[in-house]
Amino acid sequence: MPIVIVQVTREGTTPDRKSVSAEEKAAIIKGVSEVLLDVLHKPLESTYVVIEEVDLDNWGWGGLPAMQYRTLRAGAAKS
């Protein structure tokens, strides 16, 4: 029985949204489950997918909080 945890930042794909939509979550669950079926032959009914939305303040990479890192990258791209 595989259990897959998918973490995403709690933000939308457009500026007016603040979270991942129910439709997007359903697509993630379906896609992850189908990958496990195709690769490991795990039945869909025995695969669990958990989606965790993480506040953007609690997400970081490159040694920086996510928004600082994005700002830094955006500045570098303009140079």
PDB file of N, CA and C in Angstrom:
ATOM      1  N   MET A   1       0.843  -1.167   0.000  1.00  0.00           N
ATOM      2  CA  MET A   1       0.000   0.000   0.000  1.00  0.00           C
ATOM      3  C   MET A   1       0.893   1.236   0.000  1.00  0.00           C
ATOM      4  N   PRO A   2       1.110   1.846  -1.136  1.00  0.00           N
ATOM      5  CA  PRO A   2       1.939   3.052  -1.165  1.00  0.00           C
ATOM      6  C   PRO A   2       1.172   4.264  -0.639  1.00  0.00           C
ATOM      7  N   ILE A   3       1.910   5.093   0.078  1.00  0.00           N
ATOM      8  CA  ILE A   3       1.399   6.382   0.518  1.00  0.00           C
ATOM      9  C   ILE A   3       2.366   7.429  -0.011  1.00  0.00           C
ATOM     10  N   VAL A   4       1.851   8.363  -0.781  1.00  0.00           N
ATOM     11  CA  VAL A   4       2.669   9.407  -1.388  1.00  0.00           C
ATOM     12  C   VAL A   4       2.231  10.746  -0.805  1.00  0.00           C
ATOM     13  N   ILE A   5       3.198  11.516  -0.331  1.00  0.00           N
ATOM     14  CA  ILE A   5       2.909  12.850   0.188  1.00  0.00           C
ATOM     15  C   ILE A   5       3.471  13.876  -0.793  1.00  0.00           C
ATOM     16  N   VAL A   6       2.595  14.744  -1.273  1.00  0.00           N
ATOM     17  CA  VAL A   6       2.977  15.793  -2.209  1.00  0.00           C
ATOM     18  C   VAL A   6       2.873  17.123  -1.478  1.00  0.00           C
ATOM     19  N   GLN A   7       3.966  17.850  -1.411  1.00  0.00           N
ATOM     20  CA  GLN A   7       3.939  19.157  -0.776  1.00  0.00           C
ATOM     21  C   GLN A   7       4.012  20.238  -1.837  1.00  0.00           C
ATOM     22  N   VAL A   8       3.118  21.202  -1.714  1.00  0.00           N
ATOM     23  CA  VAL A   8       3.098  22.355  -2.611  1.00  0.00           C
ATOM     24  C   VAL A   8       2.967  23.609  -1.770  1.00  0.00           C
ATOM     25  N   THR A   9       3.425  24.729  -2.320  1.00  0.00           N
ATOM     26  CA  THR A   9       3.231  25.976  -1.594  1.00  0.00           C
ATOM     27  C   THR A   9       1.773  26.390  -1.680  1.00  0.00           C
ATOM     28  N   ARG A  10       1.294  26.987  -0.613  1.00  0.00           N
ATOM     29  CA  ARG A  10      -0.093  27.444  -0.565  1.00  0.00           C
ATOM     30  C   ARG A  10      -0.164  28.789  -1.288  1.00  0.00           C
ATOM     31  N   GLU A  11      -0.289  28.693  -2.590  1.00  0.00           N
ATOM     32  CA  GLU A  11      -0.460  29.868  -3.425  1.00  0.00           C
ATOM     33  C   GLU A  11      -1.148  29.405  -4.698  1.00  0.00           C
ATOM     34  N   GLY A  12      -1.803  30.288  -5.334  1.00  0.00           N
ATOM     35  CA  GLY A  12      -2.489  29.914  -6.563  1.00  0.00           C
ATOM     36  C   GLY A  12      -1.597  30.065  -7.769  1.00  0.00           C
ATOM     37  N   THR A  13      -2.139  29.696  -8.895  1.00  0.00           N
ATOM     38  CA  THR A  13      -1.385  29.815 -10.134  1.00  0.00           C
ATOM     39  C   THR A  13      -1.573  31.183 -10.782  1.00  0.00           C
ATOM     40  N   THR A  14      -2.459  31.994 -10.207  1.00  0.00           N
ATOM     41  CA  THR A  14      -2.652  33.374 -10.661  1.00  0.00           C
ATOM     42  C   THR A  14      -2.684  34.268  -9.422  1.00  0.00           C
ATOM     43  N   PRO A  15      -2.387  35.567  -9.586  1.00  0.00           N
ATOM     44  CA  PRO A  15      -2.297  36.450  -8.414  1.00  0.00           C
ATOM     45  C   PRO A  15      -3.567  36.540  -7.566  1.00  0.00           C
ATOM     46  N   ASP A  16      -4.723  36.270  -8.142  1.00  0.00           N
ATOM     47  CA  ASP A  16      -5.974  36.385  -7.387  1.00  0.00           C
ATOM     48  C   ASP A  16      -6.288  35.134  -6.564  1.00  0.00           C
ATOM     49  N   ARG A  17      -5.464  34.082  -6.665  1.00  0.00           N
ATOM     50  CA  ARG A  17      -5.722  32.839  -5.940  1.00  0.00           C
ATOM     51  C   ARG A  17      -4.726  32.659  -4.811  1.00  0.00           C
ATOM     52  N   LYS A  18      -5.184  31.996  -3.754  1.00  0.00           N
ATOM     53  CA  LYS A  18      -4.342  31.777  -2.580  1.00  0.00           C
ATOM     54  C   LYS A  18      -4.135  30.305  -2.251  1.00  0.00           C
ATOM     55  N   SER A  19      -4.581  29.405  -3.132  1.00  0.00           N
ATOM     56  CA  SER A  19      -4.394  27.983  -2.866  1.00  0.00           C
ATOM     57  C   SER A  19      -4.541  27.197  -4.159  1.00  0.00           C
ATOM     58  N   VAL A  20      -4.216  25.941  -4.067  1.00  0.00           N
ATOM     59  CA  VAL A  20      -4.394  25.023  -5.184  1.00  0.00           C
ATOM     60  C   VAL A  20      -5.878  24.655  -5.232  1.00  0.00           C
ATOM     61  N   SER A  21      -6.455  24.636  -6.417  1.00  0.00           N
ATOM     62  CA  SER A  21      -7.894  24.361  -6.528  1.00  0.00           C
ATOM     63  C   SER A  21      -8.191  22.878  -6.308  1.00  0.00           C
ATOM     64  N   ALA A  22      -9.442  22.589  -6.026  1.00  0.00           N
ATOM     65  CA  ALA A  22      -9.877  21.199  -5.858  1.00  0.00           C
ATOM     66  C   ALA A  22      -9.641  20.395  -7.137  1.00  0.00           C
ATOM     67  N   GLU A  23      -9.845  21.028  -8.276  1.00  0.00           N
ATOM     68  CA  GLU A  23      -9.626  20.346  -9.562  1.00  0.00           C
ATOM     69  C   GLU A  23      -8.150  20.015  -9.754  1.00  0.00           C
ATOM     70  N   GLU A  24      -7.267  20.947  -9.390  1.00  0.00           N
ATOM     71  CA  GLU A  24      -5.827  20.692  -9.509  1.00  0.00           C
ATOM     72  C   GLU A  24      -5.398  19.569  -8.563  1.00  0.00           C
ATOM     73  N   LYS A  25      -5.937  19.574  -7.344  1.00  0.00           N
ATOM     74  CA  LYS A  25      -5.609  18.508  -6.397  1.00  0.00           C
ATOM     75  C   LYS A  25      -6.077  17.148  -6.915  1.00  0.00           C
ATOM     76  N   ALA A  26      -7.276  17.108  -7.500  1.00  0.00           N
ATOM     77  CA  ALA A  26      -7.788  15.857  -8.066  1.00  0.00           C
ATOM     78  C   ALA A  26      -6.877  15.361  -9.183  1.00  0.00           C
ATOM     79  N   ALA A  27      -6.381  16.291 -10.010  1.00  0.00           N
ATOM     80  CA  ALA A  27      -5.486  15.908 -11.105  1.00  0.00           C
ATOM     81  C   ALA A  27      -4.155  15.377 -10.568  1.00  0.00           C
ATOM     82  N   ILE A  28      -3.649  15.988  -9.502  1.00  0.00           N
ATOM     83  CA  ILE A  28      -2.412  15.501  -8.881  1.00  0.00           C
ATOM     84  C   ILE A  28      -2.612  14.096  -8.338  1.00  0.00           C
ATOM     85  N   ILE A  29      -3.709  13.885  -7.613  1.00  0.00           N
ATOM     86  CA  ILE A  29      -3.996  12.562  -7.043  1.00  0.00           C
ATOM     87  C   ILE A  29      -4.107  11.516  -8.139  1.00  0.00           C
ATOM     88  N   LYS A  30      -4.829  11.842  -9.193  1.00  0.00           N
ATOM     89  CA  LYS A  30      -4.992  10.903 -10.302  1.00  0.00           C
ATOM     90  C   LYS A  30      -3.655  10.603 -10.968  1.00  0.00           C
ATOM     91  N   GLY A  31      -2.887  11.647 -11.252  1.00  0.00           N
ATOM     92  CA  GLY A  31      -1.613  11.464 -11.945  1.00  0.00           C
ATOM     93  C   GLY A  31      -0.615  10.650 -11.143  1.00  0.00           C
ATOM     94  N   VAL A  32      -0.483  10.956  -9.861  1.00  0.00           N
ATOM     95  CA  VAL A  32       0.449  10.216  -9.007  1.00  0.00           C
ATOM     96  C   VAL A  32       0.019   8.758  -8.893  1.00  0.00           C
ATOM     97  N   SER A  33      -1.262   8.549  -8.711  1.00  0.00           N
ATOM     98  CA  SER A  33      -1.770   7.177  -8.601  1.00  0.00           C
ATOM     99  C   SER A  33      -1.516   6.386  -9.878  1.00  0.00           C
ATOM    100  N   GLU A  34      -1.708   7.015 -11.019  1.00  0.00           N
ATOM    101  CA  GLU A  34      -1.481   6.327 -12.300  1.00  0.00           C
ATOM    102  C   GLU A  34      -0.008   6.014 -12.527  1.00  0.00           C
ATOM    103  N   VAL A  35       0.889   6.884 -12.061  1.00  0.00           N
ATOM    104  CA  VAL A  35       2.321   6.593 -12.172  1.00  0.00           C
ATOM    105  C   VAL A  35       2.664   5.342 -11.368  1.00  0.00           C
ATOM    106  N   LEU A  36       2.131   5.238 -10.159  1.00  0.00           N
ATOM    107  CA  LEU A  36       2.414   4.050  -9.341  1.00  0.00           C
ATOM    108  C   LEU A  36       1.801   2.791  -9.940  1.00  0.00           C
ATOM    109  N   LEU A  37       0.657   2.944 -10.592  1.00  0.00           N
ATOM    110  CA  LEU A  37       0.057   1.810 -11.288  1.00  0.00           C
ATOM    111  C   LEU A  37       0.934   1.384 -12.465  1.00  0.00           C
ATOM    112  N   ASP A  38       1.374   2.340 -13.262  1.00  0.00           N
ATOM    113  CA  ASP A  38       2.169   2.050 -14.459  1.00  0.00           C
ATOM    114  C   ASP A  38       3.559   1.513 -14.125  1.00  0.00           C
ATOM    115  N   VAL A  39       4.215   2.093 -13.119  1.00  0.00           N
ATOM    116  CA  VAL A  39       5.599   1.743 -12.823  1.00  0.00           C
ATOM    117  C   VAL A  39       5.709   0.555 -11.863  1.00  0.00           C
ATOM    118  N   LEU A  40       4.917   0.581 -10.788  1.00  0.00           N
ATOM    119  CA  LEU A  40       5.034  -0.456  -9.773  1.00  0.00           C
ATOM    120  C   LEU A  40       3.889  -1.447  -9.770  1.00  0.00           C
ATOM    121  N   HIS A  41       2.923  -1.249 -10.674  1.00  0.00           N
ATOM    122  CA  HIS A  41       1.748  -2.120 -10.774  1.00  0.00           C
ATOM    123  C   HIS A  41       0.943  -2.151  -9.476  1.00  0.00           C
ATOM    124  N   LYS A  42       0.894  -0.993  -8.794  1.00  0.00           N
ATOM    125  CA  LYS A  42       0.107  -0.878  -7.570  1.00  0.00           C
ATOM    126  C   LYS A  42      -1.324  -0.503  -7.940  1.00  0.00           C
ATOM    127  N   PRO A  43      -2.305  -1.246  -7.478  1.00  0.00           N
ATOM    128  CA  PRO A  43      -3.697  -0.941  -7.817  1.00  0.00           C
ATOM    129  C   PRO A  43      -4.095   0.454  -7.314  1.00  0.00           C
ATOM    130  N   LEU A  44      -4.925   1.130  -8.089  1.00  0.00           N
ATOM    131  CA  LEU A  44      -5.371   2.469  -7.712  1.00  0.00           C
ATOM    132  C   LEU A  44      -6.031   2.479  -6.339  1.00  0.00           C
ATOM    133  N   GLU A  45      -6.806   1.437  -6.047  1.00  0.00           N
ATOM    134  CA  GLU A  45      -7.546   1.422  -4.783  1.00  0.00           C
ATOM    135  C   GLU A  45      -6.658   1.193  -3.559  1.00  0.00           C
ATOM    136  N   SER A  46      -5.386   0.853  -3.773  1.00  0.00           N
ATOM    137  CA  SER A  46      -4.496   0.677  -2.619  1.00  0.00           C
ATOM    138  C   SER A  46      -3.436   1.771  -2.530  1.00  0.00           C
ATOM    139  N   THR A  47      -3.572   2.802  -3.356  1.00  0.00           N
ATOM    140  CA  THR A  47      -2.616   3.904  -3.353  1.00  0.00           C
ATOM    141  C   THR A  47      -3.242   5.125  -2.696  1.00  0.00           C
ATOM    142  N   TYR A  48      -2.539   5.657  -1.709  1.00  0.00           N
ATOM    143  CA  TYR A  48      -3.007   6.848  -1.001  1.00  0.00           C
ATOM    144  C   TYR A  48      -2.113   8.033  -1.373  1.00  0.00           C
ATOM    145  N   VAL A  49      -2.729   9.157  -1.680  1.00  0.00           N
ATOM    146  CA  VAL A  49      -1.997  10.376  -2.003  1.00  0.00           C
ATOM    147  C   VAL A  49      -2.465  11.463  -1.044  1.00  0.00           C
ATOM    148  N   VAL A  50      -1.512  12.078  -0.371  1.00  0.00           N
ATOM    149  CA  VAL A  50      -1.801  13.161   0.564  1.00  0.00           C
ATOM    150  C   VAL A  50      -1.179  14.433   0.006  1.00  0.00           C
ATOM    151  N   ILE A  51      -1.975  15.478  -0.087  1.00  0.00           N
ATOM    152  CA  ILE A  51      -1.466  16.765  -0.555  1.00  0.00           C
ATOM    153  C   ILE A  51      -1.378  17.696   0.649  1.00  0.00           C
ATOM    154  N   GLU A  52      -0.189  18.213   0.879  1.00  0.00           N
ATOM    155  CA  GLU A  52       0.030  19.158   1.961  1.00  0.00           C
ATOM    156  C   GLU A  52       0.356  20.517   1.349  1.00  0.00           C
ATOM    157  N   GLU A  53      -0.432  21.512   1.715  1.00  0.00           N
ATOM    158  CA  GLU A  53      -0.143  22.871   1.269  1.00  0.00           C
ATOM    159  C   GLU A  53       0.655  23.569   2.363  1.00  0.00           C
ATOM    160  N   VAL A  54       1.797  24.095   1.996  1.00  0.00           N
ATOM    161  CA  VAL A  54       2.699  24.745   2.928  1.00  0.00           C
ATOM    162  C   VAL A  54       2.639  26.246   2.690  1.00  0.00           C
ATOM    163  N   ASP A  55       2.441  27.015   3.767  1.00  0.00           N
ATOM    164  CA  ASP A  55       2.458  28.473   3.617  1.00  0.00           C
ATOM    165  C   ASP A  55       3.775  28.900   2.995  1.00  0.00           C
ATOM    166  N   LEU A  56       3.718  29.865   2.111  1.00  0.00           N
ATOM    167  CA  LEU A  56       4.915  30.320   1.401  1.00  0.00           C
ATOM    168  C   LEU A  56       5.980  30.807   2.376  1.00  0.00           C
ATOM    169  N   ASP A  57       5.564  31.342   3.537  1.00  0.00           N
ATOM    170  CA  ASP A  57       6.524  31.784   4.566  1.00  0.00           C
ATOM    171  C   ASP A  57       7.339  30.623   5.105  1.00  0.00           C
ATOM    172  N   ASN A  58       6.830  29.398   4.984  1.00  0.00           N
ATOM    173  CA  ASN A  58       7.482  28.212   5.533  1.00  0.00           C
ATOM    174  C   ASN A  58       8.200  27.397   4.463  1.00  0.00           C
ATOM    175  N   TRP A  59       8.503  28.013   3.350  1.00  0.00           N
ATOM    176  CA  TRP A  59       9.104  27.318   2.215  1.00  0.00           C
ATOM    177  C   TRP A  59      10.348  28.093   1.807  1.00  0.00           C
ATOM    178  N   GLY A  60      11.409  27.405   1.524  1.00  0.00           N
ATOM    179  CA  GLY A  60      12.611  28.100   1.086  1.00  0.00           C
ATOM    180  C   GLY A  60      13.554  27.169   0.360  1.00  0.00           C
ATOM    181  N   TRP A  61      14.464  27.739  -0.359  1.00  0.00           N
ATOM    182  CA  TRP A  61      15.537  26.973  -1.003  1.00  0.00           C
ATOM    183  C   TRP A  61      16.669  27.924  -1.329  1.00  0.00           C
ATOM    184  N   GLY A  62      17.812  27.379  -1.631  1.00  0.00           N
ATOM    185  CA  GLY A  62      18.971  28.213  -1.907  1.00  0.00           C
ATOM    186  C   GLY A  62      19.422  29.013  -0.691  1.00  0.00           C
ATOM    187  N   GLY A  63      19.037  28.541   0.517  1.00  0.00           N
ATOM    188  CA  GLY A  63      19.419  29.231   1.739  1.00  0.00           C
ATOM    189  C   GLY A  63      18.570  30.443   2.060  1.00  0.00           C
ATOM    190  N   LEU A  64      17.477  30.642   1.316  1.00  0.00           N
ATOM    191  CA  LEU A  64      16.635  31.821   1.500  1.00  0.00           C
ATOM    192  C   LEU A  64      15.167  31.438   1.573  1.00  0.00           C
ATOM    193  N   PRO A  65      14.344  32.279   2.244  1.00  0.00           N
ATOM    194  CA  PRO A  65      12.905  32.094   2.136  1.00  0.00           C
ATOM    195  C   PRO A  65      12.488  32.205   0.669  1.00  0.00           C
ATOM    196  N   ALA A  66      11.431  31.517   0.298  1.00  0.00           N
ATOM    197  CA  ALA A  66      11.019  31.410  -1.107  1.00  0.00           C
ATOM    198  C   ALA A  66      10.880  32.769  -1.796  1.00  0.00           C
ATOM    199  N   MET A  67      10.217  33.729  -1.159  1.00  0.00           N
ATOM    200  CA  MET A  67      10.001  35.025  -1.816  1.00  0.00           C
ATOM    201  C   MET A  67      11.315  35.764  -2.036  1.00  0.00           C
ATOM    202  N   GLN A  68      12.247  35.689  -1.087  1.00  0.00           N
ATOM    203  CA  GLN A  68      13.551  36.328  -1.283  1.00  0.00           C
ATOM    204  C   GLN A  68      14.309  35.658  -2.422  1.00  0.00           C
ATOM    205  N   TYR A  69      14.249  34.341  -2.474  1.00  0.00           N
ATOM    206  CA  TYR A  69      14.934  33.614  -3.542  1.00  0.00           C
ATOM    207  C   TYR A  69      14.350  33.979  -4.902  1.00  0.00           C
ATOM    208  N   ARG A  70      13.018  34.033  -4.991  1.00  0.00           N
ATOM    209  CA  ARG A  70      12.377  34.401  -6.250  1.00  0.00           C
ATOM    210  C   ARG A  70      12.748  35.812  -6.665  1.00  0.00           C
ATOM    211  N   THR A  71      12.791  36.734  -5.707  1.00  0.00           N
ATOM    212  CA  THR A  71      13.181  38.119  -6.003  1.00  0.00           C
ATOM    213  C   THR A  71      14.610  38.167  -6.512  1.00  0.00           C
ATOM    214  N   LEU A  72      15.491  37.430  -5.868  1.00  0.00           N
ATOM    215  CA  LEU A  72      16.881  37.368  -6.293  1.00  0.00           C
ATOM    216  C   LEU A  72      16.996  36.811  -7.704  1.00  0.00           C
ATOM    217  N   ARG A  73      16.294  35.729  -7.996  1.00  0.00           N
ATOM    218  CA  ARG A  73      16.314  35.116  -9.335  1.00  0.00           C
ATOM    219  C   ARG A  73      15.752  36.058 -10.386  1.00  0.00           C
ATOM    220  N   ALA A  74      14.669  36.760 -10.038  1.00  0.00           N
ATOM    221  CA  ALA A  74      14.057  37.693 -10.988  1.00  0.00           C
ATOM    222  C   ALA A  74      15.027  38.814 -11.323  1.00  0.00           C
ATOM    223  N   GLY A  75      15.744  39.299 -10.326  1.00  0.00           N
ATOM    224  CA  GLY A  75      16.736  40.337 -10.565  1.00  0.00           C
ATOM    225  C   GLY A  75      17.870  39.843 -11.438  1.00  0.00           C
ATOM    226  N   ALA A  76      18.314  38.616 -11.218  1.00  0.00           N
ATOM    227  CA  ALA A  76      19.390  38.034 -12.013  1.00  0.00           C
ATOM    228  C   ALA A  76      18.945  37.816 -13.455  1.00  0.00           C
ATOM    229  N   ALA A  77      17.682  37.460 -13.654  1.00  0.00           N
ATOM    230  CA  ALA A  77      17.173  37.222 -15.012  1.00  0.00           C
ATOM    231  C   ALA A  77      17.116  38.520 -15.815  1.00  0.00           C
ATOM    232  N   LYS A  78      16.886  39.643 -15.133  1.00  0.00           N
ATOM    233  CA  LYS A  78      16.799  40.932 -15.820  1.00  0.00           C
ATOM    234  C   LYS A  78      18.176  41.465 -16.196  1.00  0.00           C
ATOM    235  N   SER A  79      19.221  40.972 -15.525  1.00  0.00           N
ATOM    236  CA  SER A  79      20.574  41.467 -15.777  1.00  0.00           C
ATOM    237  C   SER A  79      21.151  40.917 -17.048  1.00  0.00           C
TER     238      SER A  79
END
